Amino acid sequence: MAREPSKLREVNLELGKPTVDQAMKRLTLEVGRTRGMGCTVLKIIHGYGSSGTGGKIRTASRRYLMQLKTKGEIREVIPGEAFSIFEETTRQAFSRCGDLRRDRDLDRYNNGVTFLVL
């Protein structure tokens, strides 16, 4: 029996050390691409700011994603530090994407990642 394709997709916005503008353009593109692939969750790796750049990308990414949520364009935004079995939003996301249960950042409180539920 063939395995069902993953509904979880991961994108590293830090790759290549982009500017904030470049990272935001890529994020916009990747949200649309992920939706088109039929995935239900996109994991964004944006860093947490140890180099100075990741923090700016994290802040801009989360602000943009919250705007999308407010507009109803995505269902949920889960910051990595809230990606825990003890958080209701995480448990709800499991029902949309079972692969999240096996993600390496579950319960690690990693503020260098953000999950968005489409």
PDB file of N, CA and C in Angstrom:
ATOM      1  N   MET A   1       0.848  -1.177   0.000  1.00  0.00           N
ATOM      2  CA  MET A   1       0.000   0.000   0.000  1.00  0.00           C
ATOM      3  C   MET A   1       0.891   1.238   0.000  1.00  0.00           C
ATOM      4  N   ALA A   2       0.606   2.190  -0.864  1.00  0.00           N
ATOM      5  CA  ALA A   2       1.412   3.412  -0.981  1.00  0.00           C
ATOM      6  C   ALA A   2       1.166   4.323   0.215  1.00  0.00           C
ATOM      7  N   ARG A   3       2.243   4.946   0.655  1.00  0.00           N
ATOM      8  CA  ARG A   3       2.135   5.869   1.787  1.00  0.00           C
ATOM      9  C   ARG A   3       1.570   7.201   1.293  1.00  0.00           C
ATOM     10  N   GLU A   4       0.667   7.757   2.075  1.00  0.00           N
ATOM     11  CA  GLU A   4       0.068   9.050   1.744  1.00  0.00           C
ATOM     12  C   GLU A   4       1.137  10.140   1.810  1.00  0.00           C
ATOM     13  N   PRO A   5       1.149  11.055   0.835  1.00  0.00           N
ATOM     14  CA  PRO A   5       2.147  12.129   0.877  1.00  0.00           C
ATOM     15  C   PRO A   5       1.987  12.981   2.137  1.00  0.00           C
ATOM     16  N   SER A   6       3.101  13.512   2.585  1.00  0.00           N
ATOM     17  CA  SER A   6       3.085  14.323   3.803  1.00  0.00           C
ATOM     18  C   SER A   6       2.257  15.585   3.607  1.00  0.00           C
ATOM     19  N   LYS A   7       1.556  15.960   4.647  1.00  0.00           N
ATOM     20  CA  LYS A   7       0.797  17.199   4.620  1.00  0.00           C
ATOM     21  C   LYS A   7       1.576  18.321   5.282  1.00  0.00           C
ATOM     22  N   LEU A   8       2.815  18.000   5.702  1.00  0.00           N
ATOM     23  CA  LEU A   8       3.703  18.959   6.354  1.00  0.00           C
ATOM     24  C   LEU A   8       4.842  19.290   5.404  1.00  0.00           C
ATOM     25  N   ARG A   9       5.085  20.566   5.221  1.00  0.00           N
ATOM     26  CA  ARG A   9       6.175  21.030   4.375  1.00  0.00           C
ATOM     27  C   ARG A   9       7.042  21.964   5.202  1.00  0.00           C
ATOM     28  N   GLU A  10       8.344  21.932   4.960  1.00  0.00           N
ATOM     29  CA  GLU A  10       9.287  22.755   5.718  1.00  0.00           C
ATOM     30  C   GLU A  10      10.082  23.630   4.761  1.00  0.00           C
ATOM     31  N   VAL A  11      10.226  24.903   5.118  1.00  0.00           N
ATOM     32  CA  VAL A  11      10.987  25.855   4.309  1.00  0.00           C
ATOM     33  C   VAL A  11      11.937  26.621   5.226  1.00  0.00           C
ATOM     34  N   ASN A  12      13.202  26.698   4.828  1.00  0.00           N
ATOM     35  CA  ASN A  12      14.204  27.424   5.597  1.00  0.00           C
ATOM     36  C   ASN A  12      14.406  28.806   4.988  1.00  0.00           C
ATOM     37  N   LEU A  13      13.848  29.831   5.617  1.00  0.00           N
ATOM     38  CA  LEU A  13      13.972  31.198   5.107  1.00  0.00           C
ATOM     39  C   LEU A  13      15.360  31.778   5.329  1.00  0.00           C
ATOM     40  N   GLU A  14      16.154  31.171   6.198  1.00  0.00           N
ATOM     41  CA  GLU A  14      17.499  31.673   6.488  1.00  0.00           C
ATOM     42  C   GLU A  14      18.527  31.259   5.434  1.00  0.00           C
ATOM     43  N   LEU A  15      18.187  30.248   4.658  1.00  0.00           N
ATOM     44  CA  LEU A  15      19.124  29.705   3.680  1.00  0.00           C
ATOM     45  C   LEU A  15      19.645  30.795   2.750  1.00  0.00           C
ATOM     46  N   GLY A  16      20.950  30.910   2.643  1.00  0.00           N
ATOM     47  CA  GLY A  16      21.556  31.924   1.785  1.00  0.00           C
ATOM     48  C   GLY A  16      21.677  33.291   2.430  1.00  0.00           C
ATOM     49  N   LYS A  17      21.332  33.389   3.712  1.00  0.00           N
ATOM     50  CA  LYS A  17      21.415  34.660   4.463  1.00  0.00           C
ATOM     51  C   LYS A  17      20.734  35.831   3.731  1.00  0.00           C
ATOM     52  N   PRO A  18      19.445  35.693   3.461  1.00  0.00           N
ATOM     53  CA  PRO A  18      18.731  36.747   2.733  1.00  0.00           C
ATOM     54  C   PRO A  18      18.476  37.981   3.598  1.00  0.00           C
ATOM     55  N   THR A  19      18.151  39.076   2.924  1.00  0.00           N
ATOM     56  CA  THR A  19      17.673  40.257   3.634  1.00  0.00           C
ATOM     57  C   THR A  19      16.249  39.968   4.096  1.00  0.00           C
ATOM     58  N   VAL A  20      15.719  40.814   4.937  1.00  0.00           N
ATOM     59  CA  VAL A  20      14.342  40.633   5.393  1.00  0.00           C
ATOM     60  C   VAL A  20      13.394  40.693   4.198  1.00  0.00           C
ATOM     61  N   ASP A  21      13.596  41.648   3.289  1.00  0.00           N
ATOM     62  CA  ASP A  21      12.725  41.761   2.111  1.00  0.00           C
ATOM     63  C   ASP A  21      12.764  40.502   1.258  1.00  0.00           C
ATOM     64  N   GLN A  22      13.946  39.951   1.047  1.00  0.00           N
ATOM     65  CA  GLN A  22      14.076  38.723   0.261  1.00  0.00           C
ATOM     66  C   GLN A  22      13.374  37.556   0.953  1.00  0.00           C
ATOM     67  N   ALA A  23      13.548  37.464   2.253  1.00  0.00           N
ATOM     68  CA  ALA A  23      12.913  36.382   3.014  1.00  0.00           C
ATOM     69  C   ALA A  23      11.387  36.503   2.969  1.00  0.00           C
ATOM     70  N   MET A  24      10.880  37.720   3.034  1.00  0.00           N
ATOM     71  CA  MET A  24       9.431  37.918   3.006  1.00  0.00           C
ATOM     72  C   MET A  24       8.848  37.575   1.632  1.00  0.00           C
ATOM     73  N   LYS A  25       9.565  37.920   0.588  1.00  0.00           N
ATOM     74  CA  LYS A  25       9.111  37.552  -0.757  1.00  0.00           C
ATOM     75  C   LYS A  25       9.060  36.042  -0.903  1.00  0.00           C
ATOM     76  N   ARG A  26      10.085  35.381  -0.372  1.00  0.00           N
ATOM     77  CA  ARG A  26      10.107  33.922  -0.442  1.00  0.00           C
ATOM     78  C   ARG A  26       8.982  33.322   0.395  1.00  0.00           C
ATOM     79  N   LEU A  27       8.737  33.876   1.576  1.00  0.00           N
ATOM     80  CA  LEU A  27       7.657  33.372   2.419  1.00  0.00           C
ATOM     81  C   LEU A  27       6.317  33.469   1.690  1.00  0.00           C
ATOM     82  N   THR A  28       6.059  34.600   1.074  1.00  0.00           N
ATOM     83  CA  THR A  28       4.811  34.783   0.327  1.00  0.00           C
ATOM     84  C   THR A  28       4.678  33.728  -0.769  1.00  0.00           C
ATOM     85  N   LEU A  29       5.760  33.516  -1.499  1.00  0.00           N
ATOM     86  CA  LEU A  29       5.778  32.513  -2.564  1.00  0.00           C
ATOM     87  C   LEU A  29       5.543  31.111  -2.001  1.00  0.00           C
ATOM     88  N   GLU A  30       6.206  30.785  -0.901  1.00  0.00           N
ATOM     89  CA  GLU A  30       6.120  29.441  -0.333  1.00  0.00           C
ATOM     90  C   GLU A  30       4.751  29.136   0.278  1.00  0.00           C
ATOM     91  N   VAL A  31       4.074  30.143   0.814  1.00  0.00           N
ATOM     92  CA  VAL A  31       2.712  29.925   1.326  1.00  0.00           C
ATOM     93  C   VAL A  31       1.810  29.488   0.175  1.00  0.00           C
ATOM     94  N   GLY A  32       1.885  30.205  -0.938  1.00  0.00           N
ATOM     95  CA  GLY A  32       1.079  29.849  -2.114  1.00  0.00           C
ATOM     96  C   GLY A  32       1.460  28.495  -2.689  1.00  0.00           C
ATOM     97  N   ARG A  33       2.753  28.231  -2.772  1.00  0.00           N
ATOM     98  CA  ARG A  33       3.249  26.956  -3.304  1.00  0.00           C
ATOM     99  C   ARG A  33       2.790  25.793  -2.415  1.00  0.00           C
ATOM    100  N   THR A  34       2.848  25.977  -1.109  1.00  0.00           N
ATOM    101  CA  THR A  34       2.457  24.924  -0.172  1.00  0.00           C
ATOM    102  C   THR A  34       0.968  24.627  -0.303  1.00  0.00           C
ATOM    103  N   ARG A  35       0.187  25.666  -0.425  1.00  0.00           N
ATOM    104  CA  ARG A  35      -1.266  25.497  -0.598  1.00  0.00           C
ATOM    105  C   ARG A  35      -1.532  24.717  -1.887  1.00  0.00           C
ATOM    106  N   GLY A  36      -0.836  25.079  -2.948  1.00  0.00           N
ATOM    107  CA  GLY A  36      -1.010  24.414  -4.235  1.00  0.00           C
ATOM    108  C   GLY A  36      -0.607  22.949  -4.223  1.00  0.00           C
ATOM    109  N   MET A  37       0.306  22.589  -3.332  1.00  0.00           N
ATOM    110  CA  MET A  37       0.756  21.199  -3.210  1.00  0.00           C
ATOM    111  C   MET A  37      -0.216  20.351  -2.387  1.00  0.00           C
ATOM    112  N   GLY A  38      -1.209  20.988  -1.783  1.00  0.00           N
ATOM    113  CA  GLY A  38      -2.178  20.259  -0.975  1.00  0.00           C
ATOM    114  C   GLY A  38      -1.717  19.985   0.444  1.00  0.00           C
ATOM    115  N   CYS A  39      -0.652  20.633   0.869  1.00  0.00           N
ATOM    116  CA  CYS A  39      -0.180  20.474   2.243  1.00  0.00           C
ATOM    117  C   CYS A  39      -1.080  21.280   3.176  1.00  0.00           C
ATOM    118  N   THR A  40      -1.169  20.851   4.421  1.00  0.00           N
ATOM    119  CA  THR A  40      -2.020  21.561   5.371  1.00  0.00           C
ATOM    120  C   THR A  40      -1.220  22.374   6.384  1.00  0.00           C
ATOM    121  N   VAL A  41       0.087  22.091   6.505  1.00  0.00           N
ATOM    122  CA  VAL A  41       0.930  22.824   7.453  1.00  0.00           C
ATOM    123  C   VAL A  41       2.261  23.166   6.783  1.00  0.00           C
ATOM    124  N   LEU A  42       2.683  24.405   6.984  1.00  0.00           N
ATOM    125  CA  LEU A  42       3.991  24.856   6.520  1.00  0.00           C
ATOM    126  C   LEU A  42       4.805  25.247   7.738  1.00  0.00           C
ATOM    127  N   LYS A  43       5.970  24.616   7.874  1.00  0.00           N
ATOM    128  CA  LYS A  43       6.899  24.941   8.952  1.00  0.00           C
ATOM    129  C   LYS A  43       7.946  25.891   8.380  1.00  0.00           C
ATOM    130  N   ILE A  44       8.049  27.056   8.982  1.00  0.00           N
ATOM    131  CA  ILE A  44       9.008  28.060   8.550  1.00  0.00           C
ATOM    132  C   ILE A  44      10.180  28.068   9.527  1.00  0.00           C
ATOM    133  N   ILE A  45      11.384  27.935   8.996  1.00  0.00           N
ATOM    134  CA  ILE A  45      12.592  28.093   9.802  1.00  0.00           C
ATOM    135  C   ILE A  45      13.118  29.490   9.505  1.00  0.00           C
ATOM    136  N   HIS A  46      13.112  30.350  10.526  1.00  0.00           N
ATOM    137  CA  HIS A  46      13.511  31.743  10.314  1.00  0.00           C
ATOM    138  C   HIS A  46      14.623  32.177  11.260  1.00  0.00           C
ATOM    139  N   GLY A  47      15.010  31.313  12.160  1.00  0.00           N
ATOM    140  CA  GLY A  47      16.030  31.665  13.135  1.00  0.00           C
ATOM    141  C   GLY A  47      15.437  32.485  14.261  1.00  0.00           C
ATOM    142  N   TYR A  48      16.242  32.681  15.287  1.00  0.00           N
ATOM    143  CA  TYR A  48      15.745  33.406  16.456  1.00  0.00           C
ATOM    144  C   TYR A  48      16.516  34.674  16.744  1.00  0.00           C
ATOM    145  N   GLY A  49      17.546  34.945  15.967  1.00  0.00           N
ATOM    146  CA  GLY A  49      18.229  36.220  16.126  1.00  0.00           C
ATOM    147  C   GLY A  49      19.633  36.155  16.659  1.00  0.00           C
ATOM    148  N   SER A  50      20.220  34.964  16.750  1.00  0.00           N
ATOM    149  CA  SER A  50      21.571  34.864  17.309  1.00  0.00           C
ATOM    150  C   SER A  50      22.600  35.585  16.447  1.00  0.00           C
ATOM    151  N   SER A  51      22.340  35.645  15.126  1.00  0.00           N
ATOM    152  CA  SER A  51      23.273  36.335  14.225  1.00  0.00           C
ATOM    153  C   SER A  51      22.836  37.774  13.967  1.00  0.00           C
ATOM    154  N   GLY A  52      21.689  38.148  14.487  1.00  0.00           N
ATOM    155  CA  GLY A  52      21.167  39.489  14.240  1.00  0.00           C
ATOM    156  C   GLY A  52      20.127  39.496  13.133  1.00  0.00           C
ATOM    157  N   THR A  53      20.306  38.637  12.129  1.00  0.00           N
ATOM    158  CA  THR A  53      19.394  38.613  10.986  1.00  0.00           C
ATOM    159  C   THR A  53      18.147  37.790  11.277  1.00  0.00           C
ATOM    160  N   GLY A  54      18.315  36.621  11.894  1.00  0.00           N
ATOM    161  CA  GLY A  54      17.179  35.733  12.139  1.00  0.00           C
ATOM    162  C   GLY A  54      16.073  36.394  12.930  1.00  0.00           C
ATOM    163  N   GLY A  55      16.437  37.221  13.879  1.00  0.00           N
ATOM    164  CA  GLY A  55      15.425  37.892  14.685  1.00  0.00           C
ATOM    165  C   GLY A  55      14.563  38.838  13.864  1.00  0.00           C
ATOM    166  N   LYS A  56      15.168  39.516  12.919  1.00  0.00           N
ATOM    167  CA  LYS A  56      14.406  40.425  12.058  1.00  0.00           C
ATOM    168  C   LYS A  56      13.483  39.651  11.132  1.00  0.00           C
ATOM    169  N   ILE A  57      13.990  38.541  10.596  1.00  0.00           N
ATOM    170  CA  ILE A  57      13.158  37.706   9.728  1.00  0.00           C
ATOM    171  C   ILE A  57      12.026  37.083  10.541  1.00  0.00           C
ATOM    172  N   ARG A  58      12.325  36.628  11.761  1.00  0.00           N
ATOM    173  CA  ARG A  58      11.290  36.045  12.625  1.00  0.00           C
ATOM    174  C   ARG A  58      10.176  37.060  12.892  1.00  0.00           C
ATOM    175  N   THR A  59      10.570  38.258  13.279  1.00  0.00           N
ATOM    176  CA  THR A  59       9.591  39.297  13.600  1.00  0.00           C
ATOM    177  C   THR A  59       8.728  39.639  12.391  1.00  0.00           C
ATOM    178  N   ALA A  60       9.365  39.853  11.246  1.00  0.00           N
ATOM    179  CA  ALA A  60       8.623  40.209  10.032  1.00  0.00           C
ATOM    180  C   ALA A  60       7.727  39.060   9.580  1.00  0.00           C
ATOM    181  N   SER A  61       8.238  37.833   9.652  1.00  0.00           N
ATOM    182  CA  SER A  61       7.457  36.658   9.233  1.00  0.00           C
ATOM    183  C   SER A  61       6.217  36.498  10.090  1.00  0.00           C
ATOM    184  N   ARG A  62       6.403  36.583  11.390  1.00  0.00           N
ATOM    185  CA  ARG A  62       5.256  36.387  12.283  1.00  0.00           C
ATOM    186  C   ARG A  62       4.231  37.493  12.148  1.00  0.00           C
ATOM    187  N   ARG A  63       4.692  38.705  11.935  1.00  0.00           N
ATOM    188  CA  ARG A  63       3.753  39.815  11.722  1.00  0.00           C
ATOM    189  C   ARG A  63       2.932  39.567  10.456  1.00  0.00           C
ATOM    190  N   TYR A  64       3.601  39.164   9.375  1.00  0.00           N
ATOM    191  CA  TYR A  64       2.929  38.879   8.102  1.00  0.00           C
ATOM    192  C   TYR A  64       1.946  37.715   8.263  1.00  0.00           C
ATOM    193  N   LEU A  65       2.367  36.655   8.930  1.00  0.00           N
ATOM    194  CA  LEU A  65       1.498  35.487   9.104  1.00  0.00           C
ATOM    195  C   LEU A  65       0.270  35.820   9.949  1.00  0.00           C
ATOM    196  N   MET A  66       0.437  36.655  10.959  1.00  0.00           N
ATOM    197  CA  MET A  66      -0.722  37.066  11.769  1.00  0.00           C
ATOM    198  C   MET A  66      -1.693  37.901  10.941  1.00  0.00           C
ATOM    199  N   GLN A  67      -1.169  38.695  10.020  1.00  0.00           N
ATOM    200  CA  GLN A  67      -2.046  39.452   9.109  1.00  0.00           C
ATOM    201  C   GLN A  67      -2.850  38.490   8.239  1.00  0.00           C
ATOM    202  N   LEU A  68      -2.184  37.446   7.727  1.00  0.00           N
ATOM    203  CA  LEU A  68      -2.899  36.453   6.922  1.00  0.00           C
ATOM    204  C   LEU A  68      -3.977  35.762   7.738  1.00  0.00           C
ATOM    205  N   LYS A  69      -3.684  35.475   8.988  1.00  0.00           N
ATOM    206  CA  LYS A  69      -4.673  34.827   9.856  1.00  0.00           C
ATOM    207  C   LYS A  69      -5.853  35.767  10.101  1.00  0.00           C
ATOM    208  N   THR A  70      -5.561  37.027  10.382  1.00  0.00           N
ATOM    209  CA  THR A  70      -6.621  38.008  10.625  1.00  0.00           C
ATOM    210  C   THR A  70      -7.542  38.138   9.409  1.00  0.00           C
ATOM    211  N   LYS A  71      -6.965  38.059   8.218  1.00  0.00           N
ATOM    212  CA  LYS A  71      -7.742  38.152   6.972  1.00  0.00           C
ATOM    213  C   LYS A  71      -8.469  36.846   6.649  1.00  0.00           C
ATOM    214  N   GLY A  72      -8.185  35.790   7.403  1.00  0.00           N
ATOM    215  CA  GLY A  72      -8.820  34.500   7.148  1.00  0.00           C
ATOM    216  C   GLY A  72      -8.156  33.705   6.033  1.00  0.00           C
ATOM    217  N   GLU A  73      -6.947  34.084   5.647  1.00  0.00           N
ATOM    218  CA  GLU A  73      -6.251  33.401   4.557  1.00  0.00           C
ATOM    219  C   GLU A  73      -5.513  32.145   5.032  1.00  0.00           C
ATOM    220  N   ILE A  74      -5.224  32.058   6.322  1.00  0.00           N
ATOM    221  CA  ILE A  74      -4.684  30.842   6.915  1.00  0.00           C
ATOM    222  C   ILE A  74      -5.438  30.595   8.213  1.00  0.00           C
ATOM    223  N   ARG A  75      -5.431  29.359   8.664  1.00  0.00           N
ATOM    224  CA  ARG A  75      -6.209  28.992   9.857  1.00  0.00           C
ATOM    225  C   ARG A  75      -5.530  29.381  11.164  1.00  0.00           C
ATOM    226  N   GLU A  76      -4.219  29.104  11.246  1.00  0.00           N
ATOM    227  CA  GLU A  76      -3.550  29.285  12.536  1.00  0.00           C
ATOM    228  C   GLU A  76      -2.069  29.542  12.353  1.00  0.00           C
ATOM    229  N   VAL A  77      -1.502  30.266  13.307  1.00  0.00           N
ATOM    230  CA  VAL A  77      -0.059  30.492  13.385  1.00  0.00           C
ATOM    231  C   VAL A  77       0.379  29.960  14.754  1.00  0.00           C
ATOM    232  N   ILE A  78       1.357  29.046  14.738  1.00  0.00           N
ATOM    233  CA  ILE A  78       1.851  28.468  15.984  1.00  0.00           C
ATOM    234  C   ILE A  78       3.340  28.782  16.094  1.00  0.00           C
ATOM    235  N   PRO A  79       3.704  29.714  16.966  1.00  0.00           N
ATOM    236  CA  PRO A  79       5.131  29.982  17.188  1.00  0.00           C
ATOM    237  C   PRO A  79       5.812  28.733  17.743  1.00  0.00           C
ATOM    238  N   GLY A  80       7.062  28.519  17.388  1.00  0.00           N
ATOM    239  CA  GLY A  80       7.787  27.336  17.839  1.00  0.00           C
ATOM    240  C   GLY A  80       7.812  27.185  19.343  1.00  0.00           C
ATOM    241  N   GLU A  81       7.869  28.316  20.062  1.00  0.00           N
ATOM    242  CA  GLU A  81       7.902  28.238  21.524  1.00  0.00           C
ATOM    243  C   GLU A  81       6.561  27.820  22.122  1.00  0.00           C
ATOM    244  N   ALA A  82       5.501  27.782  21.296  1.00  0.00           N
ATOM    245  CA  ALA A  82       4.178  27.334  21.746  1.00  0.00           C
ATOM    246  C   ALA A  82       3.791  26.010  21.083  1.00  0.00           C
ATOM    247  N   PHE A  83       4.726  25.392  20.360  1.00  0.00           N
ATOM    248  CA  PHE A  83       4.463  24.133  19.673  1.00  0.00           C
ATOM    249  C   PHE A  83       4.664  22.986  20.661  1.00  0.00           C
ATOM    250  N   SER A  84       3.597  22.689  21.396  1.00  0.00           N
ATOM    251  CA  SER A  84       3.667  21.742  22.500  1.00  0.00           C
ATOM    252  C   SER A  84       2.355  20.973  22.611  1.00  0.00           C
ATOM    253  N   ILE A  85       2.470  19.736  23.062  1.00  0.00           N
ATOM    254  CA  ILE A  85       1.267  18.929  23.270  1.00  0.00           C
ATOM    255  C   ILE A  85       0.365  19.535  24.341  1.00  0.00           C
ATOM    256  N   PHE A  86       0.886  20.470  25.109  1.00  0.00           N
ATOM    257  CA  PHE A  86       0.096  21.116  26.163  1.00  0.00           C
ATOM    258  C   PHE A  86      -0.671  22.335  25.652  1.00  0.00           C
ATOM    259  N   GLU A  87      -0.484  22.682  24.381  1.00  0.00           N
ATOM    260  CA  GLU A  87      -1.164  23.843  23.780  1.00  0.00           C
ATOM    261  C   GLU A  87      -2.318  23.369  22.899  1.00  0.00           C
ATOM    262  N   GLU A  88      -3.474  23.962  23.093  1.00  0.00           N
ATOM    263  CA  GLU A  88      -4.669  23.578  22.337  1.00  0.00           C
ATOM    264  C   GLU A  88      -4.486  23.769  20.834  1.00  0.00           C
ATOM    265  N   THR A  89      -3.846  24.867  20.421  1.00  0.00           N
ATOM    266  CA  THR A  89      -3.670  25.095  18.971  1.00  0.00           C
ATOM    267  C   THR A  89      -2.815  23.998  18.339  1.00  0.00           C
ATOM    268  N   THR A  90      -1.825  23.508  19.059  1.00  0.00           N
ATOM    269  CA  THR A  90      -0.995  22.410  18.547  1.00  0.00           C
ATOM    270  C   THR A  90      -1.824  21.141  18.425  1.00  0.00           C
ATOM    271  N   ARG A  91      -2.593  20.832  19.429  1.00  0.00           N
ATOM    272  CA  ARG A  91      -3.425  19.616  19.376  1.00  0.00           C
ATOM    273  C   ARG A  91      -4.437  19.696  18.242  1.00  0.00           C
ATOM    274  N   GLN A  92      -5.007  20.863  18.003  1.00  0.00           N
ATOM    275  CA  GLN A  92      -5.933  21.020  16.883  1.00  0.00           C
ATOM    276  C   GLN A  92      -5.211  20.825  15.552  1.00  0.00           C
ATOM    277  N   ALA A  93      -3.978  21.300  15.464  1.00  0.00           N
ATOM    278  CA  ALA A  93      -3.201  21.149  14.232  1.00  0.00           C
ATOM    279  C   ALA A  93      -2.902  19.676  13.955  1.00  0.00           C
ATOM    280  N   PHE A  94      -2.727  18.864  15.000  1.00  0.00           N
ATOM    281  CA  PHE A  94      -2.494  17.433  14.810  1.00  0.00           C
ATOM    282  C   PHE A  94      -3.618  16.785  14.006  1.00  0.00           C
ATOM    283  N   SER A  95      -4.855  17.243  14.230  1.00  0.00           N
ATOM    284  CA  SER A  95      -5.994  16.643  13.528  1.00  0.00           C
ATOM    285  C   SER A  95      -5.962  16.971  12.034  1.00  0.00           C
ATOM    286  N   ARG A  96      -5.316  18.043  11.650  1.00  0.00           N
ATOM    287  CA  ARG A  96      -5.191  18.426  10.238  1.00  0.00           C
ATOM    288  C   ARG A  96      -3.948  17.829   9.605  1.00  0.00           C
ATOM    289  N   CYS A  97      -2.950  17.516  10.432  1.00  0.00           N
ATOM    290  CA  CYS A  97      -1.674  17.022   9.904  1.00  0.00           C
ATOM    291  C   CYS A  97      -1.017  16.107  10.931  1.00  0.00           C
ATOM    292  N   GLY A  98      -1.236  14.817  10.782  1.00  0.00           N
ATOM    293  CA  GLY A  98      -0.683  13.843  11.721  1.00  0.00           C
ATOM    294  C   GLY A  98       0.849  13.844  11.764  1.00  0.00           C
ATOM    295  N   ASP A  99       1.492  14.260  10.660  1.00  0.00           N
ATOM    296  CA  ASP A  99       2.960  14.300  10.624  1.00  0.00           C
ATOM    297  C   ASP A  99       3.536  15.257  11.668  1.00  0.00           C
ATOM    298  N   LEU A 100       2.753  16.208  12.126  1.00  0.00           N
ATOM    299  CA  LEU A 100       3.233  17.151  13.145  1.00  0.00           C
ATOM    300  C   LEU A 100       3.623  16.446  14.441  1.00  0.00           C
ATOM    301  N   ARG A 101       2.975  15.343  14.731  1.00  0.00           N
ATOM    302  CA  ARG A 101       3.262  14.602  15.969  1.00  0.00           C
ATOM    303  C   ARG A 101       4.710  14.096  16.008  1.00  0.00           C
ATOM    304  N   ARG A 102       5.318  13.950  14.825  1.00  0.00           N
ATOM    305  CA  ARG A 102       6.685  13.438  14.736  1.00  0.00           C
ATOM    306  C   ARG A 102       7.710  14.534  14.455  1.00  0.00           C
ATOM    307  N   ASP A 103       7.284  15.792  14.449  1.00  0.00           N
ATOM    308  CA  ASP A 103       8.222  16.874  14.145  1.00  0.00           C
ATOM    309  C   ASP A 103       9.261  16.999  15.258  1.00  0.00           C
ATOM    310  N   ARG A 104      10.504  17.194  14.875  1.00  0.00           N
ATOM    311  CA  ARG A 104      11.620  17.245  15.837  1.00  0.00           C
ATOM    312  C   ARG A 104      11.534  18.428  16.798  1.00  0.00           C
ATOM    313  N   ASP A 105      10.739  19.445  16.470  1.00  0.00           N
ATOM    314  CA  ASP A 105      10.637  20.612  17.349  1.00  0.00           C
ATOM    315  C   ASP A 105       9.472  20.551  18.329  1.00  0.00           C
ATOM    316  N   LEU A 106       8.710  19.468  18.309  1.00  0.00           N
ATOM    317  CA  LEU A 106       7.596  19.342  19.249  1.00  0.00           C
ATOM    318  C   LEU A 106       8.132  19.341  20.680  1.00  0.00           C
ATOM    319  N   ASP A 107       7.590  20.214  21.487  1.00  0.00           N
ATOM    320  CA  ASP A 107       7.963  20.365  22.904  1.00  0.00           C
ATOM    321  C   ASP A 107       9.412  20.804  23.115  1.00  0.00           C
ATOM    322  N   ARG A 108      10.021  21.434  22.117  1.00  0.00           N
ATOM    323  CA  ARG A 108      11.393  21.931  22.276  1.00  0.00           C
ATOM    324  C   ARG A 108      11.409  23.443  22.494  1.00  0.00           C
ATOM    325  N   TYR A 109      10.264  24.100  22.378  1.00  0.00           N
ATOM    326  CA  TYR A 109      10.131  25.546  22.628  1.00  0.00           C
ATOM    327  C   TYR A 109      11.136  26.342  21.797  1.00  0.00           C
ATOM    328  N   ASN A 110      11.225  25.989  20.507  1.00  0.00           N
ATOM    329  CA  ASN A 110      12.188  26.591  19.584  1.00  0.00           C
ATOM    330  C   ASN A 110      11.612  27.861  18.975  1.00  0.00           C
ATOM    331  N   ASN A 111      12.102  29.017  19.409  1.00  0.00           N
ATOM    332  CA  ASN A 111      11.567  30.266  18.862  1.00  0.00           C
ATOM    333  C   ASN A 111      12.191  30.629  17.517  1.00  0.00           C
ATOM    334  N   GLY A 112      12.935  29.715  16.924  1.00  0.00           N
ATOM    335  CA  GLY A 112      13.496  29.918  15.593  1.00  0.00           C
ATOM    336  C   GLY A 112      12.630  29.345  14.480  1.00  0.00           C
ATOM    337  N   VAL A 113      11.453  28.808  14.847  1.00  0.00           N
ATOM    338  CA  VAL A 113      10.526  28.247  13.846  1.00  0.00           C
ATOM    339  C   VAL A 113       9.117  28.738  14.121  1.00  0.00           C
ATOM    340  N   THR A 114       8.303  28.688  13.082  1.00  0.00           N
ATOM    341  CA  THR A 114       6.869  28.995  13.200  1.00  0.00           C
ATOM    342  C   THR A 114       6.115  28.047  12.288  1.00  0.00           C
ATOM    343  N   PHE A 115       4.977  27.558  12.747  1.00  0.00           N
ATOM    344  CA  PHE A 115       4.129  26.668  11.957  1.00  0.00           C
ATOM    345  C   PHE A 115       2.885  27.440  11.538  1.00  0.00           C
ATOM    346  N   LEU A 116       2.481  27.272  10.278  1.00  0.00           N
ATOM    347  CA  LEU A 116       1.217  27.866   9.880  1.00  0.00           C
ATOM    348  C   LEU A 116       0.314  26.783   9.332  1.00  0.00           C
ATOM    349  N   VAL A 117      -0.909  26.808   9.771  1.00  0.00           N
ATOM    350  CA  VAL A 117      -1.911  25.825   9.374  1.00  0.00           C
ATOM    351  C   VAL A 117      -2.774  26.471   8.309  1.00  0.00           C
ATOM    352  N   LEU A 118      -2.800  25.805   7.136  1.00  0.00           N
ATOM    353  CA  LEU A 118      -3.562  26.349   6.004  1.00  0.00           C
ATOM    354  C   LEU A 118      -5.002  25.879   6.037  1.00  0.00           C
TER     355      LEU A 118
END
